[in-house]
Structure formats: structure tokens, C-alpha cells
PDB file of N, CA and C in Angstrom:
ATOM      1  N   MET A   1     140.241  69.318   0.756  1.00  0.00           N
ATOM      2  CA  MET A   1     139.221  70.317   0.479  1.00  0.00           C
ATOM      3  C   MET A   1     139.069  71.178   1.734  1.00  0.00           C
ATOM      4  N   THR A   2     139.165  72.455   1.538  1.00  0.00           N
ATOM      5  CA  THR A   2     139.089  73.370   2.672  1.00  0.00           C
ATOM      6  C   THR A   2     137.640  73.794   2.921  1.00  0.00           C
ATOM      7  N   ASP A   3     137.460  74.439   4.059  1.00  0.00           N
ATOM      8  CA  ASP A   3     136.129  74.943   4.403  1.00  0.00           C
ATOM      9  C   ASP A   3     135.649  75.981   3.391  1.00  0.00           C
ATOM     10  N   ALA A   4     136.568  76.813   2.933  1.00  0.00           N
ATOM     11  CA  ALA A   4     136.212  77.844   1.962  1.00  0.00           C
ATOM     12  C   ALA A   4     135.733  77.229   0.649  1.00  0.00           C
ATOM     13  N   THR A   5     136.341  76.119   0.257  1.00  0.00           N
ATOM     14  CA  THR A   5     135.928  75.442  -0.973  1.00  0.00           C
ATOM     15  C   THR A   5     134.526  74.876  -0.830  1.00  0.00           C
ATOM     16  N   VAL A   6     134.236  74.284   0.306  1.00  0.00           N
ATOM     17  CA  VAL A   6     132.902  73.723   0.543  1.00  0.00           C
ATOM     18  C   VAL A   6     131.860  74.825   0.555  1.00  0.00           C
ATOM     19  N   VAL A   7     132.163  75.922   1.206  1.00  0.00           N
ATOM     20  CA  VAL A   7     131.227  77.047   1.249  1.00  0.00           C
ATOM     21  C   VAL A   7     131.026  77.621  -0.154  1.00  0.00           C
ATOM     22  N   SER A   8     132.088  77.719  -0.917  1.00  0.00           N
ATOM     23  CA  SER A   8     131.990  78.230  -2.282  1.00  0.00           C
ATOM     24  C   SER A   8     131.135  77.318  -3.156  1.00  0.00           C
ATOM     25  N   LEU A   9     131.332  76.008  -3.033  1.00  0.00           N
ATOM     26  CA  LEU A   9     130.517  75.057  -3.794  1.00  0.00           C
ATOM     27  C   LEU A   9     129.052  75.124  -3.388  1.00  0.00           C
ATOM     28  N   ALA A  10     128.806  75.218  -2.107  1.00  0.00           N
ATOM     29  CA  ALA A  10     127.424  75.305  -1.631  1.00  0.00           C
ATOM     30  C   ALA A  10     126.761  76.599  -2.100  1.00  0.00           C
ATOM     31  N   ARG A  11     127.494  77.700  -2.060  1.00  0.00           N
ATOM     32  CA  ARG A  11     126.954  78.978  -2.518  1.00  0.00           C
ATOM     33  C   ARG A  11     126.629  78.928  -4.004  1.00  0.00           C
ATOM     34  N   GLU A  12     127.525  78.352  -4.784  1.00  0.00           N
ATOM     35  CA  GLU A  12     127.300  78.235  -6.224  1.00  0.00           C
ATOM     36  C   GLU A  12     126.098  77.337  -6.528  1.00  0.00           C
ATOM     37  N   ALA A  13     125.955  76.255  -5.773  1.00  0.00           N
ATOM     38  CA  ALA A  13     124.822  75.355  -5.980  1.00  0.00           C
ATOM     39  C   ALA A  13     123.497  76.027  -5.608  1.00  0.00           C
ATOM     40  N   VAL A  14     123.478  76.754  -4.512  1.00  0.00           N
ATOM     41  CA  VAL A  14     122.247  77.445  -4.093  1.00  0.00           C
ATOM     42  C   VAL A  14     121.878  78.534  -5.095  1.00  0.00           C
ATOM     43  N   LEU A  15     122.864  79.276  -5.575  1.00  0.00           N
ATOM     44  CA  LEU A  15     122.580  80.308  -6.575  1.00  0.00           C
ATOM     45  C   LEU A  15     122.036  79.698  -7.865  1.00  0.00           C
ATOM     46  N   THR A  16     122.583  78.564  -8.265  1.00  0.00           N
ATOM     47  CA  THR A  16     122.090  77.890  -9.465  1.00  0.00           C
ATOM     48  C   THR A  16     120.667  77.404  -9.259  1.00  0.00           C
ATOM     49  N   ILE A  17     120.368  76.872  -8.094  1.00  0.00           N
ATOM     50  CA  ILE A  17     119.005  76.415  -7.794  1.00  0.00           C
ATOM     51  C   ILE A  17     118.032  77.590  -7.845  1.00  0.00           C
ATOM     52  N   LEU A  18     118.413  78.704  -7.262  1.00  0.00           N
ATOM     53  CA  LEU A  18     117.545  79.884  -7.281  1.00  0.00           C
ATOM     54  C   LEU A  18     117.337  80.414  -8.699  1.00  0.00           C
ATOM     55  N   LEU A  19     118.396  80.412  -9.493  1.00  0.00           N
ATOM     56  CA  LEU A  19     118.268  80.866 -10.877  1.00  0.00           C
ATOM     57  C   LEU A  19     117.378  79.935 -11.699  1.00  0.00           C
ATOM     58  N   VAL A  20     117.524  78.646 -11.504  1.00  0.00           N
ATOM     59  CA  VAL A  20     116.758  77.682 -12.288  1.00  0.00           C
ATOM     60  C   VAL A  20     115.294  77.671 -11.856  1.00  0.00           C
ATOM     61  N   ALA A  21     115.032  77.730 -10.576  1.00  0.00           N
ATOM     62  CA  ALA A  21     113.657  77.665 -10.087  1.00  0.00           C
ATOM     63  C   ALA A  21     112.954  79.016 -10.134  1.00  0.00           C
ATOM     64  N   GLY A  22     113.701  80.087 -10.225  1.00  0.00           N
ATOM     65  CA  GLY A  22     113.143  81.429 -10.158  1.00  0.00           C
ATOM     66  C   GLY A  22     112.047  81.747 -11.162  1.00  0.00           C
ATOM     67  N   PRO A  23     112.271  81.516 -12.449  1.00  0.00           N
ATOM     68  CA  PRO A  23     111.226  81.875 -13.415  1.00  0.00           C
ATOM     69  C   PRO A  23     109.901  81.149 -13.184  1.00  0.00           C
ATOM     70  N   ALA A  24     109.951  79.859 -12.922  1.00  0.00           N
ATOM     71  CA  ALA A  24     108.715  79.103 -12.698  1.00  0.00           C
ATOM     72  C   ALA A  24     108.014  79.572 -11.426  1.00  0.00           C
ATOM     73  N   LEU A  25     108.770  79.823 -10.376  1.00  0.00           N
ATOM     74  CA  LEU A  25     108.167  80.286  -9.129  1.00  0.00           C
ATOM     75  C   LEU A  25     107.577  81.681  -9.268  1.00  0.00           C
ATOM     76  N   LEU A  26     108.285  82.554  -9.968  1.00  0.00           N
ATOM     77  CA  LEU A  26     107.779  83.911 -10.166  1.00  0.00           C
ATOM     78  C   LEU A  26     106.499  83.920 -10.993  1.00  0.00           C
ATOM     79  N   ILE A  27     106.478  83.154 -12.063  1.00  0.00           N
ATOM     80  CA  ILE A  27     105.281  83.099 -12.902  1.00  0.00           C
ATOM     81  C   ILE A  27     104.122  82.476 -12.134  1.00  0.00           C
ATOM     82  N   GLY A  28     104.387  81.430 -11.365  1.00  0.00           N
ATOM     83  CA  GLY A  28     103.341  80.825 -10.544  1.00  0.00           C
ATOM     84  C   GLY A  28     102.792  81.798  -9.520  1.00  0.00           C
ATOM     85  N   MET A  29     103.681  82.597  -8.929  1.00  0.00           N
ATOM     86  CA  MET A  29     103.242  83.579  -7.950  1.00  0.00           C
ATOM     87  C   MET A  29     102.397  84.677  -8.600  1.00  0.00           C
ATOM     88  N   LEU A  30     102.822  85.153  -9.766  1.00  0.00           N
ATOM     89  CA  LEU A  30     102.058  86.197 -10.447  1.00  0.00           C
ATOM     90  C   LEU A  30     100.686  85.700 -10.893  1.00  0.00           C
ATOM     91  N   VAL A  31     100.622  84.480 -11.402  1.00  0.00           N
ATOM     92  CA  VAL A  31      99.331  83.921 -11.804  1.00  0.00           C
ATOM     93  C   VAL A  31      98.446  83.727 -10.581  1.00  0.00           C
ATOM     94  N   GLY A  32      99.008  83.271  -9.477  1.00  0.00           N
ATOM     95  CA  GLY A  32      98.240  83.132  -8.246  1.00  0.00           C
ATOM     96  C   GLY A  32      97.691  84.458  -7.762  1.00  0.00           C
ATOM     97  N   LEU A  33      98.496  85.511  -7.872  1.00  0.00           N
ATOM     98  CA  LEU A  33      98.040  86.841  -7.478  1.00  0.00           C
ATOM     99  C   LEU A  33      96.896  87.318  -8.376  1.00  0.00           C
ATOM    100  N   LEU A  34      97.032  87.118  -9.683  1.00  0.00           N
ATOM    101  CA  LEU A  34      95.973  87.512 -10.610  1.00  0.00           C
ATOM    102  C   LEU A  34      94.683  86.737 -10.362  1.00  0.00           C
ATOM    103  N   VAL A  35      94.795  85.445 -10.101  1.00  0.00           N
ATOM    104  CA  VAL A  35      93.610  84.643  -9.812  1.00  0.00           C
ATOM    105  C   VAL A  35      92.970  85.090  -8.507  1.00  0.00           C
ATOM    106  N   SER A  36      93.775  85.414  -7.519  1.00  0.00           N
ATOM    107  CA  SER A  36      93.236  85.899  -6.240  1.00  0.00           C
ATOM    108  C   SER A  36      92.503  87.223  -6.413  1.00  0.00           C
ATOM    109  N   ILE A  37      93.071  88.109  -7.212  1.00  0.00           N
ATOM    110  CA  ILE A  37      92.395  89.383  -7.483  1.00  0.00           C
ATOM    111  C   ILE A  37      91.085  89.127  -8.214  1.00  0.00           C
ATOM    112  N   PHE A  38      91.101  88.224  -9.183  1.00  0.00           N
ATOM    113  CA  PHE A  38      89.874  87.869  -9.910  1.00  0.00           C
ATOM    114  C   PHE A  38      88.828  87.290  -8.962  1.00  0.00           C
ATOM    115  N   GLN A  39      89.254  86.415  -8.056  1.00  0.00           N
ATOM    116  CA  GLN A  39      88.315  85.827  -7.095  1.00  0.00           C
ATOM    117  C   GLN A  39      87.760  86.890  -6.155  1.00  0.00           C
ATOM    118  N   ALA A  40      88.575  87.814  -5.752  1.00  0.00           N
ATOM    119  CA  ALA A  40      88.107  88.853  -4.830  1.00  0.00           C
ATOM    120  C   ALA A  40      87.114  89.793  -5.505  1.00  0.00           C
ATOM    121  N   THR A  41      87.362  90.100  -6.762  1.00  0.00           N
ATOM    122  CA  THR A  41      86.452  91.027  -7.443  1.00  0.00           C
ATOM    123  C   THR A  41      85.135  90.375  -7.828  1.00  0.00           C
ATOM    124  N   THR A  42      85.171  89.091  -8.156  1.00  0.00           N
ATOM    125  CA  THR A  42      83.932  88.415  -8.568  1.00  0.00           C
ATOM    126  C   THR A  42      83.274  87.668  -7.416  1.00  0.00           C
ATOM    127  N   GLN A  43      83.913  87.605  -6.279  1.00  0.00           N
ATOM    128  CA  GLN A  43      83.430  86.896  -5.098  1.00  0.00           C
ATOM    129  C   GLN A  43      83.206  85.410  -5.354  1.00  0.00           C
ATOM    130  N   ILE A  44      83.989  84.857  -6.257  1.00  0.00           N
ATOM    131  CA  ILE A  44      83.982  83.405  -6.476  1.00  0.00           C
ATOM    132  C   ILE A  44      84.988  82.812  -5.493  1.00  0.00           C
ATOM    133  N   GLN A  45      84.534  81.950  -4.625  1.00  0.00           N
ATOM    134  CA  GLN A  45      85.413  81.366  -3.608  1.00  0.00           C
ATOM    135  C   GLN A  45      85.640  79.876  -3.870  1.00  0.00           C
ATOM    136  N   GLU A  46      85.937  79.532  -5.082  1.00  0.00           N
ATOM    137  CA  GLU A  46      86.212  78.143  -5.443  1.00  0.00           C
ATOM    138  C   GLU A  46      87.702  77.863  -5.220  1.00  0.00           C
ATOM    139  N   GLN A  47      88.016  76.889  -4.378  1.00  0.00           N
ATOM    140  CA  GLN A  47      89.406  76.601  -4.027  1.00  0.00           C
ATOM    141  C   GLN A  47      90.192  76.015  -5.187  1.00  0.00           C
ATOM    142  N   THR A  48      89.530  75.215  -6.009  1.00  0.00           N
ATOM    143  CA  THR A  48      90.257  74.572  -7.110  1.00  0.00           C
ATOM    144  C   THR A  48      90.581  75.540  -8.239  1.00  0.00           C
ATOM    145  N   LEU A  49      89.948  76.696  -8.261  1.00  0.00           N
ATOM    146  CA  LEU A  49      90.200  77.669  -9.315  1.00  0.00           C
ATOM    147  C   LEU A  49      91.631  78.184  -9.278  1.00  0.00           C
ATOM    148  N   THR A  50      92.255  78.173  -8.130  1.00  0.00           N
ATOM    149  CA  THR A  50      93.624  78.692  -8.032  1.00  0.00           C
ATOM    150  C   THR A  50      94.662  77.697  -8.551  1.00  0.00           C
ATOM    151  N   PHE A  51      94.389  76.414  -8.469  1.00  0.00           N
ATOM    152  CA  PHE A  51      95.410  75.423  -8.804  1.00  0.00           C
ATOM    153  C   PHE A  51      95.621  75.242 -10.296  1.00  0.00           C
ATOM    154  N   ILE A  52      94.562  75.148 -11.062  1.00  0.00           N
ATOM    155  CA  ILE A  52      94.686  74.843 -12.489  1.00  0.00           C
ATOM    156  C   ILE A  52      95.477  75.923 -13.234  1.00  0.00           C
ATOM    157  N   PRO A  53      95.143  77.216 -13.084  1.00  0.00           N
ATOM    158  CA  PRO A  53      95.951  78.221 -13.799  1.00  0.00           C
ATOM    159  C   PRO A  53      97.420  78.232 -13.374  1.00  0.00           C
ATOM    160  N   LYS A  54      97.681  78.005 -12.087  1.00  0.00           N
ATOM    161  CA  LYS A  54      99.066  77.977 -11.625  1.00  0.00           C
ATOM    162  C   LYS A  54      99.819  76.816 -12.241  1.00  0.00           C
ATOM    163  N   ILE A  55      99.202  75.643 -12.261  1.00  0.00           N
ATOM    164  CA  ILE A  55      99.856  74.464 -12.826  1.00  0.00           C
ATOM    165  C   ILE A  55     100.158  74.682 -14.299  1.00  0.00           C
ATOM    166  N   VAL A  56      99.186  75.207 -15.030  1.00  0.00           N
ATOM    167  CA  VAL A  56      99.389  75.458 -16.458  1.00  0.00           C
ATOM    168  C   VAL A  56     100.490  76.499 -16.666  1.00  0.00           C
ATOM    169  N   ALA A  57     100.481  77.560 -15.893  1.00  0.00           N
ATOM    170  CA  ALA A  57     101.486  78.614 -16.041  1.00  0.00           C
ATOM    171  C   ALA A  57     102.890  78.096 -15.731  1.00  0.00           C
ATOM    172  N   VAL A  58     103.013  77.293 -14.694  1.00  0.00           N
ATOM    173  CA  VAL A  58     104.324  76.750 -14.342  1.00  0.00           C
ATOM    174  C   VAL A  58     104.802  75.784 -15.425  1.00  0.00           C
ATOM    175  N   LEU A  59     103.911  74.954 -15.942  1.00  0.00           N
ATOM    176  CA  LEU A  59     104.301  74.040 -17.011  1.00  0.00           C
ATOM    177  C   LEU A  59     104.721  74.797 -18.265  1.00  0.00           C
ATOM    178  N   VAL A  60     103.996  75.842 -18.616  1.00  0.00           N
ATOM    179  CA  VAL A  60     104.369  76.649 -19.788  1.00  0.00           C
ATOM    180  C   VAL A  60     105.713  77.331 -19.550  1.00  0.00           C
ATOM    181  N   SER A  61     105.933  77.833 -18.345  1.00  0.00           N
ATOM    182  CA  SER A  61     107.213  78.484 -18.062  1.00  0.00           C
ATOM    183  C   SER A  61     108.369  77.490 -18.117  1.00  0.00           C
ATOM    184  N   ILE A  62     108.132  76.256 -17.700  1.00  0.00           N
ATOM    185  CA  ILE A  62     109.181  75.238 -17.785  1.00  0.00           C
ATOM    186  C   ILE A  62     109.472  74.897 -19.245  1.00  0.00           C
ATOM    187  N   VAL A  63     108.437  74.859 -20.069  1.00  0.00           N
ATOM    188  CA  VAL A  63     108.653  74.600 -21.491  1.00  0.00           C
ATOM    189  C   VAL A  63     109.422  75.760 -22.132  1.00  0.00           C
ATOM    190  N   VAL A  64     109.063  76.986 -21.778  1.00  0.00           N
ATOM    191  CA  VAL A  64     109.712  78.158 -22.374  1.00  0.00           C
ATOM    192  C   VAL A  64     111.145  78.317 -21.864  1.00  0.00           C
ATOM    193  N   PHE A  65     111.328  78.222 -20.555  1.00  0.00           N
ATOM    194  CA  PHE A  65     112.650  78.439 -19.965  1.00  0.00           C
ATOM    195  C   PHE A  65     113.446  77.150 -19.798  1.00  0.00           C
ATOM    196  N   GLY A  66     112.912  76.022 -20.212  1.00  0.00           N
ATOM    197  CA  GLY A  66     113.563  74.729 -20.033  1.00  0.00           C
ATOM    198  C   GLY A  66     114.971  74.642 -20.582  1.00  0.00           C
ATOM    199  N   PRO A  67     115.196  75.034 -21.832  1.00  0.00           N
ATOM    200  CA  PRO A  67     116.573  74.956 -22.350  1.00  0.00           C
ATOM    201  C   PRO A  67     117.567  75.792 -21.546  1.00  0.00           C
ATOM    202  N   TRP A  68     117.134  76.965 -21.118  1.00  0.00           N
ATOM    203  CA  TRP A  68     118.007  77.808 -20.310  1.00  0.00           C
ATOM    204  C   TRP A  68     118.280  77.159 -18.950  1.00  0.00           C
ATOM    205  N   MET A  69     117.250  76.564 -18.359  1.00  0.00           N
ATOM    206  CA  MET A  69     117.417  75.889 -17.070  1.00  0.00           C
ATOM    207  C   MET A  69     118.399  74.717 -17.192  1.00  0.00           C
ATOM    208  N   ILE A  70     118.201  73.913 -18.228  1.00  0.00           N
ATOM    209  CA  ILE A  70     119.091  72.764 -18.441  1.00  0.00           C
ATOM    210  C   ILE A  70     120.525  73.237 -18.670  1.00  0.00           C
ATOM    211  N   ARG A  71     120.694  74.306 -19.444  1.00  0.00           N
ATOM    212  CA  ARG A  71     122.034  74.823 -19.719  1.00  0.00           C
ATOM    213  C   ARG A  71     122.728  75.246 -18.419  1.00  0.00           C
ATOM    214  N   ASN A  72     122.004  75.912 -17.523  1.00  0.00           N
ATOM    215  CA  ASN A  72     122.592  76.314 -16.235  1.00  0.00           C
ATOM    216  C   ASN A  72     122.989  75.106 -15.411  1.00  0.00           C
ATOM    217  N   LEU A  73     122.137  74.097 -15.366  1.00  0.00           N
ATOM    218  CA  LEU A  73     122.452  72.901 -14.589  1.00  0.00           C
ATOM    219  C   LEU A  73     123.631  72.132 -15.190  1.00  0.00           C
ATOM    220  N   VAL A  74     123.682  72.056 -16.514  1.00  0.00           N
ATOM    221  CA  VAL A  74     124.795  71.368 -17.175  1.00  0.00           C
ATOM    222  C   VAL A  74     126.096  72.131 -16.954  1.00  0.00           C
ATOM    223  N   ASP A  75     126.043  73.450 -17.002  1.00  0.00           N
ATOM    224  CA  ASP A  75     127.247  74.246 -16.735  1.00  0.00           C
ATOM    225  C   ASP A  75     127.779  74.001 -15.328  1.00  0.00           C
ATOM    226  N   LEU A  76     126.880  73.946 -14.360  1.00  0.00           N
ATOM    227  CA  LEU A  76     127.307  73.664 -12.987  1.00  0.00           C
ATOM    228  C   LEU A  76     127.928  72.272 -12.891  1.00  0.00           C
ATOM    229  N   ALA A  77     127.289  71.286 -13.502  1.00  0.00           N
ATOM    230  CA  ALA A  77     127.824  69.921 -13.462  1.00  0.00           C
ATOM    231  C   ALA A  77     129.178  69.841 -14.161  1.00  0.00           C
ATOM    232  N   GLU A  78     129.327  70.515 -15.290  1.00  0.00           N
ATOM    233  CA  GLU A  78     130.613  70.512 -15.990  1.00  0.00           C
ATOM    234  C   GLU A  78     131.713  71.133 -15.145  1.00  0.00           C
ATOM    235  N   ARG A  79     131.398  72.245 -14.477  1.00  0.00           N
ATOM    236  CA  ARG A  79     132.389  72.874 -13.595  1.00  0.00           C
ATOM    237  C   ARG A  79     132.756  71.956 -12.436  1.00  0.00           C
ATOM    238  N   LEU A  80     131.767  71.278 -11.871  1.00  0.00           N
ATOM    239  CA  LEU A  80     132.053  70.367 -10.761  1.00  0.00           C
ATOM    240  C   LEU A  80     132.931  69.207 -11.210  1.00  0.00           C
ATOM    241  N   PHE A  81     132.598  68.618 -12.343  1.00  0.00           N
ATOM    242  CA  PHE A  81     133.388  67.479 -12.832  1.00  0.00           C
ATOM    243  C   PHE A  81     134.770  67.913 -13.304  1.00  0.00           C
ATOM    244  N   ALA A  82     134.894  69.093 -13.875  1.00  0.00           N
ATOM    245  CA  ALA A  82     136.196  69.575 -14.318  1.00  0.00           C
ATOM    246  C   ALA A  82     137.130  69.832 -13.133  1.00  0.00           C
ATOM    247  N   ASN A  83     136.580  70.275 -12.021  1.00  0.00           N
ATOM    248  CA  ASN A  83     137.384  70.585 -10.845  1.00  0.00           C
ATOM    249  C   ASN A  83     137.432  69.440  -9.835  1.00  0.00           C
ATOM    250  N   LEU A  84     136.896  68.304 -10.181  1.00  0.00           N
ATOM    251  CA  LEU A  84     136.843  67.170  -9.256  1.00  0.00           C
ATOM    252  C   LEU A  84     138.220  66.761  -8.730  1.00  0.00           C
ATOM    253  N   PRO A  85     139.253  66.688  -9.571  1.00  0.00           N
ATOM    254  CA  PRO A  85     140.563  66.338  -9.009  1.00  0.00           C
ATOM    255  C   PRO A  85     141.042  67.321  -7.945  1.00  0.00           C
ATOM    256  N   MET A  86     140.706  68.591  -8.104  1.00  0.00           N
ATOM    257  CA  MET A  86     141.110  69.581  -7.114  1.00  0.00           C
ATOM    258  C   MET A  86     140.348  69.367  -5.798  1.00  0.00           C
ATOM    259  N   TYR A  87     139.094  68.931  -5.891  1.00  0.00           N
ATOM    260  CA  TYR A  87     138.290  68.750  -4.693  1.00  0.00           C
ATOM    261  C   TYR A  87     138.721  67.540  -3.873  1.00  0.00           C
ATOM    262  N   ILE A  88     139.170  66.492  -4.525  1.00  0.00           N
ATOM    263  CA  ILE A  88     139.497  65.264  -3.793  1.00  0.00           C
ATOM    264  C   ILE A  88     140.958  65.162  -3.409  1.00  0.00           C
ATOM    265  N   ARG A  89     141.719  66.180  -3.690  1.00  0.00           N
ATOM    266  CA  ARG A  89     143.123  66.191  -3.340  1.00  0.00           C
ATOM    267  C   ARG A  89     143.355  65.957  -1.921  1.00  0.00           C
TER     268      ARG A  89
END
């Protein structure tokens, strides 16, 4: 296995991680921003108010995007296992 192969595998794995985690992180960030704006306008400074909506939003996004996330991870695993003989040469 050459250095280029290792770098290519690492790049592919990082891109897959970013793609899979991206929707949940983006939705969590947007909900956090909306809650912060709501807190600023109403002057409610309750710390726990930010956590519950974010948790619910991230869980809903995982339910909605879950099949797509699993498909991306399975595709990466299939490619890794299919090319395994080439990697261990």
C-alpha cells in the first residue's frame, strides 16, 4: 500500500464523515441560531431552553436523513471490502 493510497482512503473517509454528519449538524446549528434569536428578543435567559429544541431537531434529522446516511456508510464499507485485496498486497 502506497502513501497515495492511504491518503486517498483517508480523504474518502473524511468526506463520507462530513457528508453523513452534515445534515444533522446543520439543522442543529440552525435551530440553535433560531433559539438564540428568540432568547435575545424575549430576554429569556434560560440555559436549558437551547438544548431541548436542538436535541429534538437533530433526532428528527437523523430519522429523516437516516436511510441516506446509512447508504453512504454502506457504500464506503463495500468499496473498502471490495478493494481489500489491493490494499494488502
